[in-house]
PDB file of N, CA and C in Angstrom:
ATOM      1  N   MET A   1      -6.307  26.899  14.813  1.00  0.00           N
ATOM      2  CA  MET A   1      -5.751  26.248  13.650  1.00  0.00           C
ATOM      3  C   MET A   1      -4.660  27.118  13.021  1.00  0.00           C
ATOM      4  N   ARG A   2      -4.920  28.398  12.924  1.00  0.00           N
ATOM      5  CA  ARG A   2      -3.953  29.309  12.325  1.00  0.00           C
ATOM      6  C   ARG A   2      -2.678  29.377  13.169  1.00  0.00           C
ATOM      7  N   ALA A   3      -2.842  29.361  14.500  1.00  0.00           N
ATOM      8  CA  ALA A   3      -1.673  29.418  15.381  1.00  0.00           C
ATOM      9  C   ALA A   3      -0.789  28.186  15.179  1.00  0.00           C
ATOM     10  N   ARG A   4      -1.416  27.031  14.969  1.00  0.00           N
ATOM     11  CA  ARG A   4      -0.637  25.814  14.732  1.00  0.00           C
ATOM     12  C   ARG A   4       0.114  25.903  13.408  1.00  0.00           C
ATOM     13  N   ALA A   5      -0.523  26.450  12.397  1.00  0.00           N
ATOM     14  CA  ALA A   5       0.129  26.607  11.093  1.00  0.00           C
ATOM     15  C   ALA A   5       1.322  27.548  11.193  1.00  0.00           C
ATOM     16  N   ILE A   6       1.160  28.616  11.964  1.00  0.00           N
ATOM     17  CA  ILE A   6       2.274  29.556  12.146  1.00  0.00           C
ATOM     18  C   ILE A   6       3.401  28.892  12.924  1.00  0.00           C
ATOM     19  N   ALA A   7       3.052  28.128  13.967  1.00  0.00           N
ATOM     20  CA  ALA A   7       4.067  27.433  14.757  1.00  0.00           C
ATOM     21  C   ALA A   7       4.814  26.409  13.915  1.00  0.00           C
ATOM     22  N   MET A   8       4.099  25.705  13.052  1.00  0.00           N
ATOM     23  CA  MET A   8       4.754  24.726  12.183  1.00  0.00           C
ATOM     24  C   MET A   8       5.677  25.416  11.192  1.00  0.00           C
ATOM     25  N   ALA A   9       5.267  26.557  10.690  1.00  0.00           N
ATOM     26  CA  ALA A   9       6.094  27.287   9.742  1.00  0.00           C
ATOM     27  C   ALA A   9       7.368  27.791  10.415  1.00  0.00           C
ATOM     28  N   ASP A  10       7.251  28.205  11.687  1.00  0.00           N
ATOM     29  CA  ASP A  10       8.409  28.707  12.404  1.00  0.00           C
ATOM     30  C   ASP A  10       9.407  27.608  12.748  1.00  0.00           C
ATOM     31  N   THR A  11       8.912  26.427  13.099  1.00  0.00           N
ATOM     32  CA  THR A  11       9.802  25.358  13.540  1.00  0.00           C
ATOM     33  C   THR A  11      10.262  24.445  12.414  1.00  0.00           C
ATOM     34  N   GLY A  12       9.622  24.534  11.258  1.00  0.00           N
ATOM     35  CA  GLY A  12      10.003  23.689  10.139  1.00  0.00           C
ATOM     36  C   GLY A  12       9.418  22.301  10.194  1.00  0.00           C
ATOM     37  N   GLU A  13       8.413  22.079  11.039  1.00  0.00           N
ATOM     38  CA  GLU A  13       7.805  20.758  11.153  1.00  0.00           C
ATOM     39  C   GLU A  13       7.160  20.309   9.851  1.00  0.00           C
ATOM     40  N   ALA A  14       6.560  21.236   9.138  1.00  0.00           N
ATOM     41  CA  ALA A  14       5.894  20.883   7.884  1.00  0.00           C
ATOM     42  C   ALA A  14       6.913  20.381   6.868  1.00  0.00           C
ATOM     43  N   GLY A  15       8.079  20.991   6.824  1.00  0.00           N
ATOM     44  CA  GLY A  15       9.121  20.546   5.910  1.00  0.00           C
ATOM     45  C   GLY A  15       9.623  19.158   6.254  1.00  0.00           C
ATOM     46  N   ALA A  16       9.761  18.881   7.553  1.00  0.00           N
ATOM     47  CA  ALA A  16      10.214  17.557   7.975  1.00  0.00           C
ATOM     48  C   ALA A  16       9.176  16.505   7.631  1.00  0.00           C
ATOM     49  N   MET A  17       7.899  16.845   7.814  1.00  0.00           N
ATOM     50  CA  MET A  17       6.829  15.917   7.476  1.00  0.00           C
ATOM     51  C   MET A  17       6.836  15.601   5.988  1.00  0.00           C
ATOM     52  N   LYS A  18       7.059  16.615   5.188  1.00  0.00           N
ATOM     53  CA  LYS A  18       7.099  16.448   3.740  1.00  0.00           C
ATOM     54  C   LYS A  18       8.266  15.536   3.363  1.00  0.00           C
ATOM     55  N   ASP A  19       9.410  15.740   4.005  1.00  0.00           N
ATOM     56  CA  ASP A  19      10.568  14.886   3.741  1.00  0.00           C
ATOM     57  C   ASP A  19      10.278  13.436   4.072  1.00  0.00           C
ATOM     58  N   TRP A  20       9.681  13.159   5.241  1.00  0.00           N
ATOM     59  CA  TRP A  20       9.388  11.784   5.638  1.00  0.00           C
ATOM     60  C   TRP A  20       8.429  11.130   4.668  1.00  0.00           C
ATOM     61  N   ARG A  21       7.460  11.916   4.185  1.00  0.00           N
ATOM     62  CA  ARG A  21       6.497  11.373   3.230  1.00  0.00           C
ATOM     63  C   ARG A  21       7.207  10.962   1.935  1.00  0.00           C
ATOM     64  N   TYR A  22       8.103  11.800   1.452  1.00  0.00           N
ATOM     65  CA  TYR A  22       8.808  11.480   0.216  1.00  0.00           C
ATOM     66  C   TYR A  22       9.803  10.334   0.393  1.00  0.00           C
ATOM     67  N   ILE A  23      10.435  10.270   1.539  1.00  0.00           N
ATOM     68  CA  ILE A  23      11.357   9.162   1.817  1.00  0.00           C
ATOM     69  C   ILE A  23      10.582   7.845   1.838  1.00  0.00           C
ATOM     70  N   GLY A  24       9.453   7.835   2.538  1.00  0.00           N
ATOM     71  CA  GLY A  24       8.622   6.628   2.598  1.00  0.00           C
ATOM     72  C   GLY A  24       8.073   6.241   1.242  1.00  0.00           C
ATOM     73  N   LEU A  25       7.604   7.226   0.490  1.00  0.00           N
ATOM     74  CA  LEU A  25       7.070   6.952  -0.845  1.00  0.00           C
ATOM     75  C   LEU A  25       8.151   6.396  -1.762  1.00  0.00           C
ATOM     76  N   HIS A  26       9.338   6.957  -1.687  1.00  0.00           N
ATOM     77  CA  HIS A  26      10.450   6.486  -2.511  1.00  0.00           C
ATOM     78  C   HIS A  26      10.810   5.044  -2.163  1.00  0.00           C
ATOM     79  N   ALA A  27      10.840   4.727  -0.877  1.00  0.00           N
ATOM     80  CA  ALA A  27      11.167   3.373  -0.441  1.00  0.00           C
ATOM     81  C   ALA A  27      10.110   2.374  -0.896  1.00  0.00           C
ATOM     82  N   VAL A  28       8.835   2.746  -0.769  1.00  0.00           N
ATOM     83  CA  VAL A  28       7.746   1.838  -1.163  1.00  0.00           C
ATOM     84  C   VAL A  28       7.739   1.612  -2.673  1.00  0.00           C
ATOM     85  N   VAL A  29       7.929   2.666  -3.443  1.00  0.00           N
ATOM     86  CA  VAL A  29       7.948   2.526  -4.909  1.00  0.00           C
ATOM     87  C   VAL A  29       9.146   1.687  -5.352  1.00  0.00           C
ATOM     88  N   ALA A  30      10.302   1.917  -4.744  1.00  0.00           N
ATOM     89  CA  ALA A  30      11.491   1.138  -5.097  1.00  0.00           C
ATOM     90  C   ALA A  30      11.294  -0.343  -4.754  1.00  0.00           C
ATOM     91  N   ALA A  31      10.725  -0.611  -3.587  1.00  0.00           N
ATOM     92  CA  ALA A  31      10.479  -1.994  -3.173  1.00  0.00           C
ATOM     93  C   ALA A  31       9.466  -2.660  -4.102  1.00  0.00           C
ATOM     94  N   GLY A  32       8.414  -1.943  -4.439  1.00  0.00           N
ATOM     95  CA  GLY A  32       7.407  -2.493  -5.353  1.00  0.00           C
ATOM     96  C   GLY A  32       7.976  -2.784  -6.726  1.00  0.00           C
ATOM     97  N   PHE A  33       8.797  -1.879  -7.212  1.00  0.00           N
ATOM     98  CA  PHE A  33       9.418  -2.066  -8.521  1.00  0.00           C
ATOM     99  C   PHE A  33      10.294  -3.316  -8.553  1.00  0.00           C
ATOM    100  N   ILE A  34      11.171  -3.454  -7.570  1.00  0.00           N
ATOM    101  CA  ILE A  34      12.092  -4.587  -7.583  1.00  0.00           C
ATOM    102  C   ILE A  34      11.344  -5.887  -7.329  1.00  0.00           C
ATOM    103  N   PHE A  35      10.262  -5.843  -6.510  1.00  0.00           N
ATOM    104  CA  PHE A  35       9.470  -7.046  -6.295  1.00  0.00           C
ATOM    105  C   PHE A  35       8.851  -7.520  -7.605  1.00  0.00           C
ATOM    106  N   LEU A  36       8.211  -6.607  -8.327  1.00  0.00           N
ATOM    107  CA  LEU A  36       7.578  -6.978  -9.603  1.00  0.00           C
ATOM    108  C   LEU A  36       8.604  -7.448 -10.622  1.00  0.00           C
ATOM    109  N   LEU A  37       9.747  -6.792 -10.655  1.00  0.00           N
ATOM    110  CA  LEU A  37      10.805  -7.198 -11.581  1.00  0.00           C
ATOM    111  C   LEU A  37      11.298  -8.604 -11.262  1.00  0.00           C
ATOM    112  N   GLN A  38      11.622  -8.839  -9.993  1.00  0.00           N
ATOM    113  CA  GLN A  38      12.138 -10.146  -9.586  1.00  0.00           C
ATOM    114  C   GLN A  38      11.095 -11.250  -9.756  1.00  0.00           C
ATOM    115  N   ARG A  39       9.874 -10.967  -9.322  1.00  0.00           N
ATOM    116  CA  ARG A  39       8.842 -12.002  -9.292  1.00  0.00           C
ATOM    117  C   ARG A  39       8.339 -12.383 -10.679  1.00  0.00           C
ATOM    118  N   TYR A  40       8.049 -11.389 -11.501  1.00  0.00           N
ATOM    119  CA  TYR A  40       7.373 -11.670 -12.773  1.00  0.00           C
ATOM    120  C   TYR A  40       8.297 -11.597 -13.993  1.00  0.00           C
ATOM    121  N   ALA A  41       9.218 -10.661 -14.015  1.00  0.00           N
ATOM    122  CA  ALA A  41      10.114 -10.560 -15.175  1.00  0.00           C
ATOM    123  C   ALA A  41      11.236 -11.600 -15.101  1.00  0.00           C
ATOM    124  N   LEU A  42      11.750 -11.832 -13.890  1.00  0.00           N
ATOM    125  CA  LEU A  42      12.867 -12.770 -13.738  1.00  0.00           C
ATOM    126  C   LEU A  42      12.434 -14.127 -13.189  1.00  0.00           C
ATOM    127  N   ASN A  43      11.150 -14.274 -12.872  1.00  0.00           N
ATOM    128  CA  ASN A  43      10.575 -15.545 -12.400  1.00  0.00           C
ATOM    129  C   ASN A  43      11.271 -16.123 -11.176  1.00  0.00           C
ATOM    130  N   ASN A  44      11.603 -15.270 -10.215  1.00  0.00           N
ATOM    131  CA  ASN A  44      12.197 -15.749  -8.971  1.00  0.00           C
ATOM    132  C   ASN A  44      11.106 -16.180  -7.999  1.00  0.00           C
ATOM    133  N   SER A  45      11.505 -16.869  -6.942  1.00  0.00           N
ATOM    134  CA  SER A  45      10.544 -17.331  -5.936  1.00  0.00           C
ATOM    135  C   SER A  45       9.997 -16.142  -5.143  1.00  0.00           C
ATOM    136  N   LEU A  46       8.895 -16.379  -4.452  1.00  0.00           N
ATOM    137  CA  LEU A  46       8.277 -15.331  -3.644  1.00  0.00           C
ATOM    138  C   LEU A  46       9.218 -14.867  -2.534  1.00  0.00           C
ATOM    139  N   GLU A  47       9.881 -15.813  -1.873  1.00  0.00           N
ATOM    140  CA  GLU A  47      10.781 -15.469  -0.776  1.00  0.00           C
ATOM    141  C   GLU A  47      11.936 -14.600  -1.262  1.00  0.00           C
ATOM    142  N   SER A  48      12.516 -14.979  -2.376  1.00  0.00           N
ATOM    143  CA  SER A  48      13.619 -14.210  -2.938  1.00  0.00           C
ATOM    144  C   SER A  48      13.161 -12.815  -3.357  1.00  0.00           C
ATOM    145  N   SER A  49      11.989 -12.744  -3.964  1.00  0.00           N
ATOM    146  CA  SER A  49      11.462 -11.447  -4.409  1.00  0.00           C
ATOM    147  C   SER A  49      11.194 -10.531  -3.223  1.00  0.00           C
ATOM    148  N   LEU A  50      10.628 -11.081  -2.141  1.00  0.00           N
ATOM    149  CA  LEU A  50      10.364 -10.276  -0.950  1.00  0.00           C
ATOM    150  C   LEU A  50      11.650  -9.814  -0.278  1.00  0.00           C
ATOM    151  N   LEU A  51      12.636 -10.676  -0.246  1.00  0.00           N
ATOM    152  CA  LEU A  51      13.925 -10.295   0.331  1.00  0.00           C
ATOM    153  C   LEU A  51      14.574  -9.165  -0.462  1.00  0.00           C
ATOM    154  N   TRP A  52      14.547  -9.284  -1.776  1.00  0.00           N
ATOM    155  CA  TRP A  52      15.100  -8.226  -2.631  1.00  0.00           C
ATOM    156  C   TRP A  52      14.316  -6.932  -2.464  1.00  0.00           C
ATOM    157  N   ALA A  53      12.984  -7.025  -2.350  1.00  0.00           N
ATOM    158  CA  ALA A  53      12.155  -5.835  -2.171  1.00  0.00           C
ATOM    159  C   ALA A  53      12.499  -5.130  -0.863  1.00  0.00           C
ATOM    160  N   LEU A  54      12.661  -5.887   0.202  1.00  0.00           N
ATOM    161  CA  LEU A  54      13.024  -5.314   1.492  1.00  0.00           C
ATOM    162  C   LEU A  54      14.394  -4.640   1.425  1.00  0.00           C
ATOM    163  N   THR A  55      15.340  -5.312   0.808  1.00  0.00           N
ATOM    164  CA  THR A  55      16.690  -4.763   0.676  1.00  0.00           C
ATOM    165  C   THR A  55      16.694  -3.505  -0.177  1.00  0.00           C
ATOM    166  N   PHE A  56      16.034  -3.560  -1.313  1.00  0.00           N
ATOM    167  CA  PHE A  56      16.011  -2.431  -2.239  1.00  0.00           C
ATOM    168  C   PHE A  56      15.289  -1.236  -1.623  1.00  0.00           C
ATOM    169  N   GLY A  57      14.170  -1.474  -0.934  1.00  0.00           N
ATOM    170  CA  GLY A  57      13.446  -0.401  -0.256  1.00  0.00           C
ATOM    171  C   GLY A  57      14.284   0.243   0.840  1.00  0.00           C
ATOM    172  N   GLY A  58      14.991  -0.580   1.596  1.00  0.00           N
ATOM    173  CA  GLY A  58      15.879  -0.050   2.630  1.00  0.00           C
ATOM    174  C   GLY A  58      17.013   0.769   2.062  1.00  0.00           C
ATOM    175  N   CYS A  59      17.548   0.315   0.955  1.00  0.00           N
ATOM    176  CA  CYS A  59      18.626   1.073   0.303  1.00  0.00           C
ATOM    177  C   CYS A  59      18.110   2.379  -0.286  1.00  0.00           C
ATOM    178  N   ALA A  60      16.859   2.406  -0.699  1.00  0.00           N
ATOM    179  CA  ALA A  60      16.284   3.638  -1.244  1.00  0.00           C
ATOM    180  C   ALA A  60      16.071   4.679  -0.148  1.00  0.00           C
ATOM    181  N   ALA A  61      15.712   4.241   1.054  1.00  0.00           N
ATOM    182  CA  ALA A  61      15.442   5.173   2.150  1.00  0.00           C
ATOM    183  C   ALA A  61      16.657   5.404   3.026  1.00  0.00           C
ATOM    184  N   GLY A  62      17.535   4.419   3.118  1.00  0.00           N
ATOM    185  CA  GLY A  62      18.637   4.458   4.076  1.00  0.00           C
ATOM    186  C   GLY A  62      19.561   5.654   4.029  1.00  0.00           C
ATOM    187  N   PRO A  63      20.122   6.001   2.888  1.00  0.00           N
ATOM    188  CA  PRO A  63      21.075   7.114   2.867  1.00  0.00           C
ATOM    189  C   PRO A  63      20.482   8.448   3.335  1.00  0.00           C
ATOM    190  N   ARG A  64      19.225   8.656   3.099  1.00  0.00           N
ATOM    191  CA  ARG A  64      18.575   9.895   3.502  1.00  0.00           C
ATOM    192  C   ARG A  64      18.371   9.935   5.020  1.00  0.00           C
ATOM    193  N   LEU A  65      18.357   8.785   5.665  1.00  0.00           N
ATOM    194  CA  LEU A  65      18.127   8.731   7.100  1.00  0.00           C
ATOM    195  C   LEU A  65      19.407   8.809   7.912  1.00  0.00           C
ATOM    196  N   LEU A  66      20.553   8.790   7.270  1.00  0.00           N
ATOM    197  CA  LEU A  66      21.819   8.853   7.981  1.00  0.00           C
ATOM    198  C   LEU A  66      22.037  10.239   8.571  1.00  0.00           C
ATOM    199  N   PRO A  67      22.730  10.309   9.710  1.00  0.00           N
ATOM    200  CA  PRO A  67      23.017  11.631  10.289  1.00  0.00           C
ATOM    201  C   PRO A  67      23.878  12.469   9.340  1.00  0.00           C
ATOM    202  N   GLY A  68      23.638  13.738   9.357  1.00  0.00           N
ATOM    203  CA  GLY A  68      24.423  14.642   8.510  1.00  0.00           C
ATOM    204  C   GLY A  68      23.796  14.908   7.157  1.00  0.00           C
ATOM    205  N   GLN A  69      22.716  14.217   6.855  1.00  0.00           N
ATOM    206  CA  GLN A  69      22.014  14.450   5.582  1.00  0.00           C
ATOM    207  C   GLN A  69      20.986  15.547   5.801  1.00  0.00           C
ATOM    208  N   SER A  70      20.880  16.450   4.870  1.00  0.00           N
ATOM    209  CA  SER A  70      19.890  17.519   5.031  1.00  0.00           C
ATOM    210  C   SER A  70      18.631  17.231   4.268  1.00  0.00           C
TER     211      SER A  70
END
């Protein structure tokens, strides 16, 4: 177990895992927020709310996934 922890520290795998977790969490929270806003505050249809949630979640995660981003 210790050898794996040292190997992860050397290669930076733990940092990459942490980044993916935060990117995913940010996308899910953004999608949830816009879904609730569209569906209940603005009284839009379910289909429209889901489409906006998908778009907003993708926009929240997308720029971080582009090449050249650290």
